[in-house]
Amino acid sequence: MMIFSSRIPRTISLFILAIPLLYLPVSPAYNTAHAAEKKVVIANGDWAPYQGKDLPGGGPATQIAEEAFATQGFDVEFRYMPWARGLNLTQQAQTDATMLYSYNEERGKNFLYSDPIISLDTVVFYLKDKKLHWENPEDLKGMTLGAVLEYDYGFVREDSGYTLDRVASNVFNYRKLAAGRIDALLEERLVGLETARQEGLGDSITYHPKPIKSVPYHLIVSKENPRAEEIIQVFNKGLSQLKADGRLNQILQITP
């Protein structure tokens, strides 16, 4: 009579015990954390024709951000809100990024900047029946200029002696200009033309061709955000891919 030992070598028993672990489902907590790592929340705003919740695809800037992150396997959630709120929430890392912003030293202390997305001109808009000409920075002093909260207008700053009447939305400035409550307003050229058209003021408002600022605009991320370096690097890599593919120029085909 043959007797078989009931003892199994330790290495084999450990292997047998480990087999069921290979088939255990990944925990929901892991899936949620992994998904969060591949998602970016961007504070967005209304700045037609470049970005806005009512524009097709959210506007060119929104499309660029979405597609740049998508090339790297990232999903994007856009949250539309007033500019000052979006900037503040991003600085506090309650949203991951915001756009479009030009560089200035004050913001540079708190934010990391992506590679340039687009270069734009900020000009002075005024009523056609009012003559406005400027050559030197001093020519704009003494005027009340419509501006937006948290916007940077280059050399035109309150601490440099300029009078800026700031509001939460640029739309209010066009209405104030039409009512004679401000002398002129500061705005990016195409944005100004589009807003004037939307407000029914396209025939009464014009702009001076000399820009007060010509600079690139970026996506920005707070230095307080623990993922700041990663987000910027991912976006820059995606943006570079859009440029190489010719997709960036295709998206930016905007006419006045």
C-alpha atoms as a PDB file:
ATOM      1  CA  MET A   1       0.000   0.000   0.000  1.00  0.00           C
ATOM      2  CA  MET A   2       1.413   3.375  -1.044  1.00  0.00           C
ATOM      3  CA  ILE A   3       1.069   6.315   1.273  1.00  0.00           C
ATOM      4  CA  PHE A   4       1.232   9.926  -0.158  1.00  0.00           C
ATOM      5  CA  SER A   5       2.584  12.663   2.080  1.00  0.00           C
ATOM      6  CA  SER A   6       0.133  15.438   2.857  1.00  0.00           C
ATOM      7  CA  ARG A   7       2.979  17.903   3.181  1.00  0.00           C
ATOM      8  CA  ILE A   8       3.476  20.339   0.283  1.00  0.00           C
ATOM      9  CA  PRO A   9       6.762  22.212  -0.222  1.00  0.00           C
ATOM     10  CA  ARG A  10       6.582  25.757   1.225  1.00  0.00           C
ATOM     11  CA  THR A  11       7.407  27.491  -2.086  1.00  0.00           C
ATOM     12  CA  ILE A  12       4.562  25.697  -3.837  1.00  0.00           C
ATOM     13  CA  SER A  13       2.058  26.508  -1.102  1.00  0.00           C
ATOM     14  CA  LEU A  14       2.951  30.199  -1.196  1.00  0.00           C
ATOM     15  CA  PHE A  15       2.460  30.212  -4.951  1.00  0.00           C
ATOM     16  CA  ILE A  16      -0.943  28.559  -4.643  1.00  0.00           C
ATOM     17  CA  LEU A  17      -2.038  31.071  -2.006  1.00  0.00           C
ATOM     18  CA  ALA A  18      -0.922  33.984  -4.167  1.00  0.00           C
ATOM     19  CA  ILE A  19      -2.879  32.928  -7.263  1.00  0.00           C
ATOM     20  CA  PRO A  20      -6.266  34.299  -6.049  1.00  0.00           C
ATOM     21  CA  LEU A  21      -4.684  37.728  -5.455  1.00  0.00           C
ATOM     22  CA  LEU A  22      -4.035  38.041  -9.166  1.00  0.00           C
ATOM     23  CA  TYR A  23      -7.768  38.054  -9.812  1.00  0.00           C
ATOM     24  CA  LEU A  24      -8.831  40.480  -7.101  1.00  0.00           C
ATOM     25  CA  PRO A  25     -10.425  43.663  -8.548  1.00  0.00           C
ATOM     26  CA  VAL A  26      -8.552  46.943  -8.145  1.00  0.00           C
ATOM     27  CA  SER A  27     -10.025  48.899  -5.254  1.00  0.00           C
ATOM     28  CA  PRO A  28     -12.327  51.861  -6.045  1.00  0.00           C
ATOM     29  CA  ALA A  29     -10.062  54.100  -3.961  1.00  0.00           C
ATOM     30  CA  TYR A  30      -7.109  53.267  -6.217  1.00  0.00           C
ATOM     31  CA  ASN A  31      -9.131  53.865  -9.367  1.00  0.00           C
ATOM     32  CA  THR A  32     -10.342  57.236  -8.072  1.00  0.00           C
ATOM     33  CA  ALA A  33      -6.846  58.355  -7.094  1.00  0.00           C
ATOM     34  CA  HIS A  34      -5.400  57.217 -10.437  1.00  0.00           C
ATOM     35  CA  ALA A  35      -8.146  59.037 -12.369  1.00  0.00           C
ATOM     36  CA  ALA A  36      -7.530  62.231 -10.366  1.00  0.00           C
ATOM     37  CA  GLU A  37      -3.877  62.131 -11.405  1.00  0.00           C
ATOM     38  CA  LYS A  38      -4.961  62.169 -15.044  1.00  0.00           C
ATOM     39  CA  LYS A  39      -7.430  65.063 -14.712  1.00  0.00           C
ATOM     40  CA  VAL A  40      -6.870  68.807 -14.706  1.00  0.00           C
ATOM     41  CA  VAL A  41      -9.442  71.381 -13.554  1.00  0.00           C
ATOM     42  CA  ILE A  42      -9.058  74.732 -15.321  1.00  0.00           C
ATOM     43  CA  ALA A  43     -10.706  77.996 -14.270  1.00  0.00           C
ATOM     44  CA  ASN A  44     -11.951  79.473 -17.525  1.00  0.00           C
ATOM     45  CA  GLY A  45     -13.551  82.795 -18.421  1.00  0.00           C
ATOM     46  CA  ASP A  46     -15.492  84.617 -21.131  1.00  0.00           C
ATOM     47  CA  TRP A  47     -13.127  86.414 -23.483  1.00  0.00           C
ATOM     48  CA  ALA A  48     -14.543  86.051 -26.979  1.00  0.00           C
ATOM     49  CA  PRO A  49     -13.344  85.220 -29.544  1.00  0.00           C
ATOM     50  CA  TYR A  50     -10.611  83.297 -27.713  1.00  0.00           C
ATOM     51  CA  GLN A  51     -12.515  81.591 -24.921  1.00  0.00           C
ATOM     52  CA  GLY A  52     -16.031  81.459 -23.495  1.00  0.00           C
ATOM     53  CA  LYS A  53     -18.739  79.044 -22.429  1.00  0.00           C
ATOM     54  CA  ASP A  54     -21.026  80.054 -25.317  1.00  0.00           C
ATOM     55  CA  LEU A  55     -18.380  79.746 -28.045  1.00  0.00           C
ATOM     56  CA  PRO A  56     -18.149  76.610 -30.218  1.00  0.00           C
ATOM     57  CA  GLY A  57     -15.861  74.214 -28.391  1.00  0.00           C
ATOM     58  CA  GLY A  58     -15.315  76.877 -25.736  1.00  0.00           C
ATOM     59  CA  GLY A  59     -13.256  78.954 -28.159  1.00  0.00           C
ATOM     60  CA  PRO A  60      -9.754  78.400 -29.581  1.00  0.00           C
ATOM     61  CA  ALA A  61      -7.879  78.777 -26.266  1.00  0.00           C
ATOM     62  CA  THR A  62     -10.159  76.225 -24.615  1.00  0.00           C
ATOM     63  CA  GLN A  63      -9.714  73.812 -27.510  1.00  0.00           C
ATOM     64  CA  ILE A  64      -5.949  74.170 -27.354  1.00  0.00           C
ATOM     65  CA  ALA A  65      -5.861  73.406 -23.634  1.00  0.00           C
ATOM     66  CA  GLU A  66      -8.184  70.433 -23.991  1.00  0.00           C
ATOM     67  CA  GLU A  67      -6.356  68.929 -26.956  1.00  0.00           C
ATOM     68  CA  ALA A  68      -2.868  69.558 -25.554  1.00  0.00           C
ATOM     69  CA  PHE A  69      -3.696  67.657 -22.369  1.00  0.00           C
ATOM     70  CA  ALA A  70      -5.546  64.971 -24.325  1.00  0.00           C
ATOM     71  CA  THR A  71      -2.404  64.147 -26.336  1.00  0.00           C
ATOM     72  CA  GLN A  72      -0.824  63.159 -23.006  1.00  0.00           C
ATOM     73  CA  GLY A  73      -3.804  61.131 -21.809  1.00  0.00           C
ATOM     74  CA  PHE A  74      -5.255  63.819 -19.515  1.00  0.00           C
ATOM     75  CA  ASP A  75      -8.897  64.840 -19.188  1.00  0.00           C
ATOM     76  CA  VAL A  76      -9.813  68.490 -18.594  1.00  0.00           C
ATOM     77  CA  GLU A  77     -12.737  69.971 -16.678  1.00  0.00           C
ATOM     78  CA  PHE A  78     -13.405  73.654 -17.375  1.00  0.00           C
ATOM     79  CA  ARG A  79     -15.142  75.767 -14.752  1.00  0.00           C
ATOM     80  CA  TYR A  80     -16.344  79.161 -15.968  1.00  0.00           C
ATOM     81  CA  MET A  81     -16.244  82.040 -13.497  1.00  0.00           C
ATOM     82  CA  PRO A  82     -15.269  85.725 -13.178  1.00  0.00           C
ATOM     83  CA  TRP A  83     -11.583  86.354 -13.852  1.00  0.00           C
ATOM     84  CA  ALA A  84     -10.636  87.521 -10.364  1.00  0.00           C
ATOM     85  CA  ARG A  85     -12.278  84.484  -8.771  1.00  0.00           C
ATOM     86  CA  GLY A  86     -10.623  82.093 -11.198  1.00  0.00           C
ATOM     87  CA  LEU A  87      -7.207  83.589 -10.549  1.00  0.00           C
ATOM     88  CA  ASN A  88      -7.676  83.498  -6.773  1.00  0.00           C
ATOM     89  CA  LEU A  89      -8.940  79.900  -6.724  1.00  0.00           C
ATOM     90  CA  THR A  90      -6.037  78.813  -8.907  1.00  0.00           C
ATOM     91  CA  GLN A  91      -3.539  80.609  -6.691  1.00  0.00           C
ATOM     92  CA  GLN A  92      -4.990  78.714  -3.716  1.00  0.00           C
ATOM     93  CA  ALA A  93      -4.706  75.457  -5.734  1.00  0.00           C
ATOM     94  CA  GLN A  94      -8.475  74.916  -5.539  1.00  0.00           C
ATOM     95  CA  THR A  95      -8.387  74.697  -9.332  1.00  0.00           C
ATOM     96  CA  ASP A  96      -5.345  73.352 -11.146  1.00  0.00           C
ATOM     97  CA  ALA A  97      -4.819  76.075 -13.736  1.00  0.00           C
ATOM     98  CA  THR A  98      -6.302  79.121 -15.436  1.00  0.00           C
ATOM     99  CA  MET A  99      -5.798  80.929 -18.756  1.00  0.00           C
ATOM    100  CA  LEU A 100      -5.136  83.117 -20.718  1.00  0.00           C
ATOM    101  CA  TYR A 101      -2.668  85.310 -18.825  1.00  0.00           C
ATOM    102  CA  SER A 102       0.315  87.388 -19.777  1.00  0.00           C
ATOM    103  CA  TYR A 103       3.394  87.488 -17.574  1.00  0.00           C
ATOM    104  CA  ASN A 104       4.074  90.126 -14.969  1.00  0.00           C
ATOM    105  CA  GLU A 105       6.465  90.103 -12.027  1.00  0.00           C
ATOM    106  CA  GLU A 106       3.758  90.040  -9.370  1.00  0.00           C
ATOM    107  CA  ARG A 107       2.048  86.982 -10.830  1.00  0.00           C
ATOM    108  CA  GLY A 108       5.420  85.439 -11.528  1.00  0.00           C
ATOM    109  CA  LYS A 109       5.977  85.186  -7.781  1.00  0.00           C
ATOM    110  CA  ASN A 110       2.950  82.938  -7.340  1.00  0.00           C
ATOM    111  CA  PHE A 111       2.489  81.098 -10.641  1.00  0.00           C
ATOM    112  CA  LEU A 112       4.338  78.892 -13.083  1.00  0.00           C
ATOM    113  CA  TYR A 113       3.785  79.808 -16.734  1.00  0.00           C
ATOM    114  CA  SER A 114       3.377  77.456 -19.655  1.00  0.00           C
ATOM    115  CA  ASP A 115       5.063  77.977 -22.983  1.00  0.00           C
ATOM    116  CA  PRO A 116       3.354  80.767 -24.987  1.00  0.00           C
ATOM    117  CA  ILE A 117       0.002  79.811 -26.494  1.00  0.00           C
ATOM    118  CA  ILE A 118      -0.680  82.978 -28.503  1.00  0.00           C
ATOM    119  CA  SER A 119       0.627  86.552 -28.781  1.00  0.00           C
ATOM    120  CA  LEU A 120      -1.931  89.362 -28.589  1.00  0.00           C
ATOM    121  CA  ASP A 121      -2.152  93.162 -28.776  1.00  0.00           C
ATOM    122  CA  THR A 122      -3.939  95.244 -26.142  1.00  0.00           C
ATOM    123  CA  VAL A 123      -5.171  98.574 -27.509  1.00  0.00           C
ATOM    124  CA  VAL A 124      -7.203 101.608 -26.453  1.00  0.00           C
ATOM    125  CA  PHE A 125     -10.871 101.647 -27.535  1.00  0.00           C
ATOM    126  CA  TYR A 126     -12.855 104.887 -27.670  1.00  0.00           C
ATOM    127  CA  LEU A 127     -16.002 106.424 -29.185  1.00  0.00           C
ATOM    128  CA  LYS A 128     -15.669 107.343 -32.851  1.00  0.00           C
ATOM    129  CA  ASP A 129     -17.116 110.813 -32.269  1.00  0.00           C
ATOM    130  CA  LYS A 130     -14.388 111.512 -29.699  1.00  0.00           C
ATOM    131  CA  LYS A 131     -10.872 112.068 -30.971  1.00  0.00           C
ATOM    132  CA  LEU A 132      -8.147 110.093 -29.205  1.00  0.00           C
ATOM    133  CA  HIS A 133      -4.482 110.026 -30.130  1.00  0.00           C
ATOM    134  CA  TRP A 134      -1.537 108.887 -28.115  1.00  0.00           C
ATOM    135  CA  GLU A 135       2.154 108.430 -28.820  1.00  0.00           C
ATOM    136  CA  ASN A 136       3.791 108.572 -25.418  1.00  0.00           C
ATOM    137  CA  PRO A 137       2.678 106.832 -22.196  1.00  0.00           C
ATOM    138  CA  GLU A 138       2.049 110.228 -20.609  1.00  0.00           C
ATOM    139  CA  ASP A 139      -0.665 110.923 -23.192  1.00  0.00           C
ATOM    140  CA  LEU A 140      -2.991 108.434 -21.464  1.00  0.00           C
ATOM    141  CA  LYS A 141      -2.670 110.009 -18.046  1.00  0.00           C
ATOM    142  CA  GLY A 142      -5.553 112.196 -16.964  1.00  0.00           C
ATOM    143  CA  MET A 143      -8.044 109.873 -18.681  1.00  0.00           C
ATOM    144  CA  THR A 144     -10.380 107.477 -16.908  1.00  0.00           C
ATOM    145  CA  LEU A 145      -9.677 104.127 -18.562  1.00  0.00           C
ATOM    146  CA  GLY A 146     -11.992 101.125 -18.304  1.00  0.00           C
ATOM    147  CA  ALA A 147     -10.205  97.986 -17.139  1.00  0.00           C
ATOM    148  CA  VAL A 148     -10.955  94.567 -15.656  1.00  0.00           C
ATOM    149  CA  LEU A 149     -10.094  93.278 -12.189  1.00  0.00           C
ATOM    150  CA  GLU A 150      -6.797  91.363 -12.019  1.00  0.00           C
ATOM    151  CA  TYR A 151      -5.906  92.215 -15.630  1.00  0.00           C
ATOM    152  CA  ASP A 152      -2.409  93.436 -16.384  1.00  0.00           C
ATOM    153  CA  TYR A 153      -2.108  96.327 -18.844  1.00  0.00           C
ATOM    154  CA  GLY A 154       1.637  96.669 -19.082  1.00  0.00           C
ATOM    155  CA  PHE A 155       2.842 100.165 -18.282  1.00  0.00           C
ATOM    156  CA  VAL A 156      -0.716 101.402 -17.614  1.00  0.00           C
ATOM    157  CA  ARG A 157      -0.946 100.814 -13.853  1.00  0.00           C
ATOM    158  CA  GLU A 158      -2.504 102.642 -10.950  1.00  0.00           C
ATOM    159  CA  ASP A 159       0.832 102.875  -9.144  1.00  0.00           C
ATOM    160  CA  SER A 160       2.262 104.638 -12.199  1.00  0.00           C
ATOM    161  CA  GLY A 161      -0.306 107.432 -12.082  1.00  0.00           C
ATOM    162  CA  TYR A 162      -2.977 106.097 -14.428  1.00  0.00           C
ATOM    163  CA  THR A 163      -6.688 106.134 -13.574  1.00  0.00           C
ATOM    164  CA  LEU A 164      -8.194 102.696 -14.121  1.00  0.00           C
ATOM    165  CA  ASP A 165     -11.885 102.085 -13.491  1.00  0.00           C
ATOM    166  CA  ARG A 166     -11.894  98.302 -12.958  1.00  0.00           C
ATOM    167  CA  VAL A 167     -14.934  96.027 -13.237  1.00  0.00           C
ATOM    168  CA  ALA A 168     -15.497  92.274 -12.958  1.00  0.00           C
ATOM    169  CA  SER A 169     -16.509  91.827 -16.624  1.00  0.00           C
ATOM    170  CA  ASN A 170     -15.270  93.717 -19.678  1.00  0.00           C
ATOM    171  CA  VAL A 171     -18.861  94.038 -20.948  1.00  0.00           C
ATOM    172  CA  PHE A 172     -19.581  96.715 -18.347  1.00  0.00           C
ATOM    173  CA  ASN A 173     -16.776  98.880 -19.717  1.00  0.00           C
ATOM    174  CA  TYR A 174     -18.398  99.131 -23.162  1.00  0.00           C
ATOM    175  CA  ARG A 175     -21.683 100.195 -21.632  1.00  0.00           C
ATOM    176  CA  LYS A 176     -19.897 102.773 -19.481  1.00  0.00           C
ATOM    177  CA  LEU A 177     -17.985 104.050 -22.496  1.00  0.00           C
ATOM    178  CA  ALA A 178     -21.207 104.426 -24.488  1.00  0.00           C
ATOM    179  CA  ALA A 179     -22.762 106.314 -21.557  1.00  0.00           C
ATOM    180  CA  GLY A 180     -19.777 108.658 -21.281  1.00  0.00           C
ATOM    181  CA  ARG A 181     -18.795 107.433 -17.819  1.00  0.00           C
ATOM    182  CA  ILE A 182     -15.238 106.598 -18.905  1.00  0.00           C
ATOM    183  CA  ASP A 183     -12.983 108.179 -21.540  1.00  0.00           C
ATOM    184  CA  ALA A 184     -11.703 104.972 -23.120  1.00  0.00           C
ATOM    185  CA  LEU A 185     -11.162 101.319 -22.316  1.00  0.00           C
ATOM    186  CA  LEU A 186      -8.269  98.900 -22.581  1.00  0.00           C
ATOM    187  CA  GLU A 187      -8.785  95.588 -24.344  1.00  0.00           C
ATOM    188  CA  GLU A 188      -7.202  93.031 -26.662  1.00  0.00           C
ATOM    189  CA  ARG A 189      -7.974  94.054 -30.234  1.00  0.00           C
ATOM    190  CA  LEU A 190     -10.176  91.164 -31.426  1.00  0.00           C
ATOM    191  CA  VAL A 191     -11.841  90.820 -28.037  1.00  0.00           C
ATOM    192  CA  GLY A 192     -12.732  94.499 -28.124  1.00  0.00           C
ATOM    193  CA  LEU A 193     -14.179  94.327 -31.622  1.00  0.00           C
ATOM    194  CA  GLU A 194     -16.224  91.249 -30.794  1.00  0.00           C
ATOM    195  CA  THR A 195     -17.562  92.641 -27.511  1.00  0.00           C
ATOM    196  CA  ALA A 196     -18.505  95.936 -29.138  1.00  0.00           C
ATOM    197  CA  ARG A 197     -20.380  93.999 -31.824  1.00  0.00           C
ATOM    198  CA  GLN A 198     -22.210  91.875 -29.247  1.00  0.00           C
ATOM    199  CA  GLU A 199     -23.221  95.019 -27.364  1.00  0.00           C
ATOM    200  CA  GLY A 200     -24.564  96.672 -30.511  1.00  0.00           C
ATOM    201  CA  LEU A 201     -21.793  99.267 -30.432  1.00  0.00           C
ATOM    202  CA  GLY A 202     -19.761  98.128 -33.421  1.00  0.00           C
ATOM    203  CA  ASP A 203     -20.575 101.286 -35.394  1.00  0.00           C
ATOM    204  CA  SER A 204     -19.802 103.722 -32.576  1.00  0.00           C
ATOM    205  CA  ILE A 205     -16.613 102.335 -31.022  1.00  0.00           C
ATOM    206  CA  THR A 206     -13.161 102.125 -32.584  1.00  0.00           C
ATOM    207  CA  TYR A 207      -9.583 101.674 -31.381  1.00  0.00           C
ATOM    208  CA  HIS A 208      -6.195 103.321 -31.689  1.00  0.00           C
ATOM    209  CA  PRO A 209      -3.835 101.070 -33.687  1.00  0.00           C
ATOM    210  CA  LYS A 210      -0.851 101.630 -31.411  1.00  0.00           C
ATOM    211  CA  PRO A 211      -0.820  98.789 -28.849  1.00  0.00           C
ATOM    212  CA  ILE A 212      -0.137  99.503 -25.198  1.00  0.00           C
ATOM    213  CA  LYS A 213       1.023  95.905 -24.809  1.00  0.00           C
ATOM    214  CA  SER A 214       2.044  93.145 -27.251  1.00  0.00           C
ATOM    215  CA  VAL A 215       2.869  89.990 -25.355  1.00  0.00           C
ATOM    216  CA  PRO A 216       2.375  86.213 -25.322  1.00  0.00           C
ATOM    217  CA  TYR A 217      -0.370  84.630 -23.232  1.00  0.00           C
ATOM    218  CA  HIS A 218      -0.121  81.419 -21.233  1.00  0.00           C
ATOM    219  CA  LEU A 219      -1.781  78.811 -19.076  1.00  0.00           C
ATOM    220  CA  ILE A 220      -0.699  79.331 -15.467  1.00  0.00           C
ATOM    221  CA  VAL A 221      -0.526  77.093 -12.388  1.00  0.00           C
ATOM    222  CA  SER A 222      -0.038  78.110  -8.755  1.00  0.00           C
ATOM    223  CA  LYS A 223       3.302  77.264  -7.178  1.00  0.00           C
ATOM    224  CA  GLU A 224       1.238  76.102  -4.197  1.00  0.00           C
ATOM    225  CA  ASN A 225      -0.170  73.257  -6.286  1.00  0.00           C
ATOM    226  CA  PRO A 226       1.794  70.057  -5.518  1.00  0.00           C
ATOM    227  CA  ARG A 227       1.296  69.002  -9.157  1.00  0.00           C
ATOM    228  CA  ALA A 228       2.393  72.358 -10.596  1.00  0.00           C
ATOM    229  CA  GLU A 229       5.561  71.163 -12.332  1.00  0.00           C
ATOM    230  CA  GLU A 230       3.834  68.083 -13.725  1.00  0.00           C
ATOM    231  CA  ILE A 231       0.853  70.041 -15.091  1.00  0.00           C
ATOM    232  CA  ILE A 232       3.071  72.591 -16.828  1.00  0.00           C
ATOM    233  CA  GLN A 233       5.337  69.906 -18.288  1.00  0.00           C
ATOM    234  CA  VAL A 234       2.385  67.846 -19.542  1.00  0.00           C
ATOM    235  CA  PHE A 235       0.729  70.884 -21.126  1.00  0.00           C
ATOM    236  CA  ASN A 236       3.972  72.089 -22.750  1.00  0.00           C
ATOM    237  CA  LYS A 237       4.573  68.646 -24.220  1.00  0.00           C
ATOM    238  CA  GLY A 238       1.036  68.531 -25.594  1.00  0.00           C
ATOM    239  CA  LEU A 239       1.281  72.095 -26.934  1.00  0.00           C
ATOM    240  CA  SER A 240       4.521  71.210 -28.687  1.00  0.00           C
ATOM    241  CA  GLN A 241       2.801  68.248 -30.308  1.00  0.00           C
ATOM    242  CA  LEU A 242      -0.072  70.460 -31.522  1.00  0.00           C
ATOM    243  CA  LYS A 243       2.486  72.821 -33.067  1.00  0.00           C
ATOM    244  CA  ALA A 244       4.353  69.991 -34.774  1.00  0.00           C
ATOM    245  CA  ASP A 245       1.127  68.552 -36.176  1.00  0.00           C
ATOM    246  CA  GLY A 246      -0.005  71.940 -37.507  1.00  0.00           C
ATOM    247  CA  ARG A 247      -3.092  71.654 -35.335  1.00  0.00           C
ATOM    248  CA  LEU A 248      -2.249  74.767 -33.286  1.00  0.00           C
ATOM    249  CA  ASN A 249      -2.269  77.049 -36.327  1.00  0.00           C
ATOM    250  CA  GLN A 250      -5.460  75.416 -37.522  1.00  0.00           C
ATOM    251  CA  ILE A 251      -7.242  76.175 -34.238  1.00  0.00           C
ATOM    252  CA  LEU A 252      -5.969  79.751 -34.174  1.00  0.00           C
ATOM    253  CA  GLN A 253      -7.425  80.744 -37.535  1.00  0.00           C
ATOM    254  CA  ILE A 254      -9.375  83.696 -36.093  1.00  0.00           C
ATOM    255  CA  THR A 255     -10.459  86.593 -38.281  1.00  0.00           C
ATOM    256  CA  PRO A 256     -11.369  90.102 -37.057  1.00  0.00           C
END
